[in-house]
Protein backbone atom coordinates (compact mmCIF):
# COMPACT_ATOMS: atom_id res chain seq x y z
CA UNK A 1 0.00 0.00 0.00
CA UNK A 2 2.96 2.33 -0.40
CA UNK A 3 2.09 5.76 -1.70
CA UNK A 4 4.44 8.12 -3.47
CA UNK A 5 2.42 11.28 -3.07
CA UNK A 6 1.57 13.77 -0.40
CA UNK A 7 -0.45 11.97 2.27
CA UNK A 8 -4.17 12.58 2.22
CA UNK A 9 -5.52 11.84 5.64
CA UNK A 10 -9.18 11.74 6.56
CA UNK A 11 -10.64 14.98 7.74
CA UNK A 12 -14.31 14.02 7.46
CA UNK A 13 -16.46 11.10 8.60
CA UNK A 14 -16.39 7.99 6.44
CA UNK A 15 -19.70 6.39 5.58
CA UNK A 16 -20.29 2.68 5.34
CA UNK A 17 -18.80 1.07 2.23
CA UNK A 18 -21.14 -0.51 -0.30
CA UNK A 19 -22.31 -4.00 0.51
CA UNK A 20 -20.79 -6.59 -1.79
CA UNK A 21 -20.22 -9.87 0.05
CA UNK A 22 -17.06 -11.87 -0.56
CA UNK A 23 -17.39 -15.45 0.59
CA UNK A 24 -13.85 -16.77 0.10
CA UNK A 25 -11.42 -14.09 1.36
CA UNK A 26 -9.91 -15.44 4.58
CA UNK A 27 -6.57 -13.72 5.26
CA UNK A 28 -5.48 -10.13 4.52
CA UNK A 29 -2.13 -8.52 5.27
CA UNK A 30 -1.87 -4.83 4.38
CA UNK A 31 1.73 -3.59 4.48
CA UNK A 32 2.80 0.02 4.05
CA UNK A 33 -0.50 1.02 5.67
CA UNK A 34 -0.22 4.51 7.17
CA UNK A 35 -3.85 5.59 7.39
CA UNK A 36 -4.54 7.36 4.10
CA UNK A 37 -8.22 7.81 3.34
CA UNK A 38 -8.25 5.17 0.59
CA UNK A 39 -6.44 2.68 2.83
CA UNK A 40 -8.99 3.13 5.61
CA UNK A 41 -11.86 2.82 3.14
CA UNK A 42 -10.41 -0.40 1.70
CA UNK A 43 -9.89 -1.86 5.18
CA UNK A 44 -13.49 -1.04 6.14
CA UNK A 45 -14.76 -2.54 2.90
CA UNK A 46 -12.89 -5.78 3.53
CA UNK A 47 -13.86 -5.97 7.21
CA UNK A 48 -17.55 -5.46 6.43
CA UNK A 49 -17.83 -7.61 3.31
CA UNK A 50 -15.47 -10.58 3.68
CA UNK A 51 -17.80 -13.16 5.22
CA UNK A 52 -15.07 -15.77 5.78
CA UNK A 53 -12.40 -13.38 7.05
CA UNK A 54 -10.28 -15.05 9.72
CA UNK A 55 -7.42 -12.56 9.99
CA UNK A 56 -6.60 -9.05 8.82
CA UNK A 57 -3.21 -7.61 9.73
CA UNK A 58 -2.38 -3.95 9.22
CA UNK A 59 1.36 -3.33 9.14
CA UNK A 60 2.92 0.11 8.56
CA UNK A 61 6.22 -1.47 7.55
CA UNK A 62 6.51 -1.72 3.79
CA UNK A 63 7.73 -4.95 2.27
CA UNK A 64 8.86 -2.97 -0.74
CA UNK A 65 11.29 -0.67 1.03
CA UNK A 66 14.07 -1.78 3.35
CA UNK A 67 13.18 0.40 6.30
CA UNK A 68 13.62 -0.70 9.85
CA UNK A 69 10.67 -0.94 12.20
CA UNK A 70 12.37 1.63 14.41
CA UNK A 71 12.54 4.15 11.54
CA UNK A 72 8.91 3.55 10.61
CA UNK A 73 7.65 3.82 14.19
CA UNK A 74 9.47 7.12 14.66
CA UNK A 75 7.98 8.67 11.52
CA UNK A 76 5.15 11.19 11.70
CA UNK A 77 3.21 9.18 9.10
CA UNK A 78 3.24 6.13 11.35
CA UNK A 79 1.97 8.14 14.30
CA UNK A 80 -0.80 9.80 12.28
CA UNK A 81 -1.66 6.47 10.65
CA UNK A 82 -2.17 4.81 14.02
CA UNK A 83 -4.45 7.67 15.05
CA UNK A 84 -6.48 7.23 11.84
CA UNK A 85 -6.81 3.48 12.39
CA UNK A 86 -7.99 3.94 15.96
CA UNK A 87 -10.36 6.73 14.96
CA UNK A 88 -11.99 5.16 11.90
CA UNK A 89 -11.75 1.37 12.32
CA UNK A 90 -13.92 -0.03 15.08
CA UNK A 91 -11.21 -2.02 16.85
CA UNK A 92 -13.61 -3.42 19.42
CA UNK A 93 -16.04 -4.65 16.76
CA UNK A 94 -13.31 -6.36 14.72
CA UNK A 95 -11.03 -7.47 17.57
CA UNK A 96 -11.40 -11.15 16.69
CA UNK A 97 -9.90 -10.68 13.22
CA UNK A 98 -8.03 -7.34 13.15
CA UNK A 99 -4.41 -6.99 14.26
CA UNK A 100 -2.52 -3.69 14.13
CA UNK A 101 1.28 -4.02 14.20
C-alpha atoms as a PDB file:
ATOM      1  CA  UNK A   1       0.000   0.000   0.000  1.00  0.00           C
ATOM      2  CA  UNK A   2       2.956   2.326  -0.398  1.00  0.00           C
ATOM      3  CA  UNK A   3       2.089   5.763  -1.696  1.00  0.00           C
ATOM      4  CA  UNK A   4       4.444   8.120  -3.471  1.00  0.00           C
ATOM      5  CA  UNK A   5       2.420  11.277  -3.074  1.00  0.00           C
ATOM      6  CA  UNK A   6       1.571  13.771  -0.397  1.00  0.00           C
ATOM      7  CA  UNK A   7      -0.448  11.975   2.272  1.00  0.00           C
ATOM      8  CA  UNK A   8      -4.170  12.581   2.222  1.00  0.00           C
ATOM      9  CA  UNK A   9      -5.519  11.836   5.643  1.00  0.00           C
ATOM     10  CA  UNK A  10      -9.176  11.738   6.557  1.00  0.00           C
ATOM     11  CA  UNK A  11     -10.642  14.975   7.743  1.00  0.00           C
ATOM     12  CA  UNK A  12     -14.306  14.023   7.464  1.00  0.00           C
ATOM     13  CA  UNK A  13     -16.462  11.102   8.601  1.00  0.00           C
ATOM     14  CA  UNK A  14     -16.387   7.988   6.437  1.00  0.00           C
ATOM     15  CA  UNK A  15     -19.701   6.391   5.580  1.00  0.00           C
ATOM     16  CA  UNK A  16     -20.286   2.679   5.336  1.00  0.00           C
ATOM     17  CA  UNK A  17     -18.797   1.074   2.233  1.00  0.00           C
ATOM     18  CA  UNK A  18     -21.138  -0.513  -0.304  1.00  0.00           C
ATOM     19  CA  UNK A  19     -22.310  -4.003   0.508  1.00  0.00           C
ATOM     20  CA  UNK A  20     -20.787  -6.588  -1.787  1.00  0.00           C
ATOM     21  CA  UNK A  21     -20.222  -9.870   0.049  1.00  0.00           C
ATOM     22  CA  UNK A  22     -17.060 -11.872  -0.561  1.00  0.00           C
ATOM     23  CA  UNK A  23     -17.385 -15.453   0.593  1.00  0.00           C
ATOM     24  CA  UNK A  24     -13.848 -16.767   0.098  1.00  0.00           C
ATOM     25  CA  UNK A  25     -11.423 -14.094   1.357  1.00  0.00           C
ATOM     26  CA  UNK A  26      -9.913 -15.439   4.585  1.00  0.00           C
ATOM     27  CA  UNK A  27      -6.569 -13.720   5.259  1.00  0.00           C
ATOM     28  CA  UNK A  28      -5.477 -10.129   4.516  1.00  0.00           C
ATOM     29  CA  UNK A  29      -2.128  -8.518   5.271  1.00  0.00           C
ATOM     30  CA  UNK A  30      -1.866  -4.830   4.384  1.00  0.00           C
ATOM     31  CA  UNK A  31       1.732  -3.592   4.481  1.00  0.00           C
ATOM     32  CA  UNK A  32       2.803   0.016   4.052  1.00  0.00           C
ATOM     33  CA  UNK A  33      -0.500   1.024   5.673  1.00  0.00           C
ATOM     34  CA  UNK A  34      -0.223   4.506   7.169  1.00  0.00           C
ATOM     35  CA  UNK A  35      -3.851   5.591   7.393  1.00  0.00           C
ATOM     36  CA  UNK A  36      -4.539   7.361   4.096  1.00  0.00           C
ATOM     37  CA  UNK A  37      -8.217   7.811   3.342  1.00  0.00           C
ATOM     38  CA  UNK A  38      -8.247   5.172   0.595  1.00  0.00           C
ATOM     39  CA  UNK A  39      -6.442   2.683   2.826  1.00  0.00           C
ATOM     40  CA  UNK A  40      -8.992   3.134   5.613  1.00  0.00           C
ATOM     41  CA  UNK A  41     -11.861   2.817   3.135  1.00  0.00           C
ATOM     42  CA  UNK A  42     -10.412  -0.397   1.700  1.00  0.00           C
ATOM     43  CA  UNK A  43      -9.885  -1.859   5.183  1.00  0.00           C
ATOM     44  CA  UNK A  44     -13.489  -1.038   6.138  1.00  0.00           C
ATOM     45  CA  UNK A  45     -14.764  -2.537   2.899  1.00  0.00           C
ATOM     46  CA  UNK A  46     -12.893  -5.783   3.531  1.00  0.00           C
ATOM     47  CA  UNK A  47     -13.857  -5.972   7.212  1.00  0.00           C
ATOM     48  CA  UNK A  48     -17.549  -5.460   6.432  1.00  0.00           C
ATOM     49  CA  UNK A  49     -17.832  -7.611   3.312  1.00  0.00           C
ATOM     50  CA  UNK A  50     -15.467 -10.582   3.677  1.00  0.00           C
ATOM     51  CA  UNK A  51     -17.805 -13.155   5.223  1.00  0.00           C
ATOM     52  CA  UNK A  52     -15.074 -15.771   5.776  1.00  0.00           C
ATOM     53  CA  UNK A  53     -12.398 -13.378   7.050  1.00  0.00           C
ATOM     54  CA  UNK A  54     -10.281 -15.051   9.717  1.00  0.00           C
ATOM     55  CA  UNK A  55      -7.423 -12.561   9.994  1.00  0.00           C
ATOM     56  CA  UNK A  56      -6.601  -9.051   8.825  1.00  0.00           C
ATOM     57  CA  UNK A  57      -3.209  -7.608   9.731  1.00  0.00           C
ATOM     58  CA  UNK A  58      -2.384  -3.951   9.222  1.00  0.00           C
ATOM     59  CA  UNK A  59       1.358  -3.329   9.136  1.00  0.00           C
ATOM     60  CA  UNK A  60       2.916   0.109   8.564  1.00  0.00           C
ATOM     61  CA  UNK A  61       6.225  -1.466   7.550  1.00  0.00           C
ATOM     62  CA  UNK A  62       6.507  -1.719   3.790  1.00  0.00           C
ATOM     63  CA  UNK A  63       7.730  -4.951   2.272  1.00  0.00           C
ATOM     64  CA  UNK A  64       8.860  -2.965  -0.742  1.00  0.00           C
ATOM     65  CA  UNK A  65      11.292  -0.672   1.033  1.00  0.00           C
ATOM     66  CA  UNK A  66      14.069  -1.780   3.346  1.00  0.00           C
ATOM     67  CA  UNK A  67      13.177   0.397   6.304  1.00  0.00           C
ATOM     68  CA  UNK A  68      13.623  -0.702   9.850  1.00  0.00           C
ATOM     69  CA  UNK A  69      10.668  -0.944  12.198  1.00  0.00           C
ATOM     70  CA  UNK A  70      12.374   1.632  14.405  1.00  0.00           C
ATOM     71  CA  UNK A  71      12.542   4.148  11.540  1.00  0.00           C
ATOM     72  CA  UNK A  72       8.915   3.554  10.613  1.00  0.00           C
ATOM     73  CA  UNK A  73       7.648   3.818  14.187  1.00  0.00           C
ATOM     74  CA  UNK A  74       9.474   7.122  14.658  1.00  0.00           C
ATOM     75  CA  UNK A  75       7.977   8.669  11.515  1.00  0.00           C
ATOM     76  CA  UNK A  76       5.155  11.188  11.695  1.00  0.00           C
ATOM     77  CA  UNK A  77       3.209   9.179   9.097  1.00  0.00           C
ATOM     78  CA  UNK A  78       3.244   6.130  11.346  1.00  0.00           C
ATOM     79  CA  UNK A  79       1.965   8.137  14.298  1.00  0.00           C
ATOM     80  CA  UNK A  80      -0.798   9.800  12.277  1.00  0.00           C
ATOM     81  CA  UNK A  81      -1.661   6.472  10.651  1.00  0.00           C
ATOM     82  CA  UNK A  82      -2.175   4.807  14.020  1.00  0.00           C
ATOM     83  CA  UNK A  83      -4.446   7.669  15.052  1.00  0.00           C
ATOM     84  CA  UNK A  84      -6.475   7.231  11.845  1.00  0.00           C
ATOM     85  CA  UNK A  85      -6.809   3.477  12.388  1.00  0.00           C
ATOM     86  CA  UNK A  86      -7.985   3.945  15.961  1.00  0.00           C
ATOM     87  CA  UNK A  87     -10.360   6.729  14.958  1.00  0.00           C
ATOM     88  CA  UNK A  88     -11.995   5.156  11.900  1.00  0.00           C
ATOM     89  CA  UNK A  89     -11.753   1.373  12.323  1.00  0.00           C
ATOM     90  CA  UNK A  90     -13.924  -0.029  15.084  1.00  0.00           C
ATOM     91  CA  UNK A  91     -11.206  -2.021  16.850  1.00  0.00           C
ATOM     92  CA  UNK A  92     -13.607  -3.424  19.422  1.00  0.00           C
ATOM     93  CA  UNK A  93     -16.037  -4.650  16.761  1.00  0.00           C
ATOM     94  CA  UNK A  94     -13.306  -6.363  14.724  1.00  0.00           C
ATOM     95  CA  UNK A  95     -11.026  -7.466  17.575  1.00  0.00           C
ATOM     96  CA  UNK A  96     -11.402 -11.148  16.686  1.00  0.00           C
ATOM     97  CA  UNK A  97      -9.895 -10.680  13.215  1.00  0.00           C
ATOM     98  CA  UNK A  98      -8.031  -7.338  13.154  1.00  0.00           C
ATOM     99  CA  UNK A  99      -4.406  -6.985  14.258  1.00  0.00           C
ATOM    100  CA  UNK A 100      -2.520  -3.694  14.130  1.00  0.00           C
ATOM    101  CA  UNK A 101       1.280  -4.025  14.199  1.00  0.00           C
END
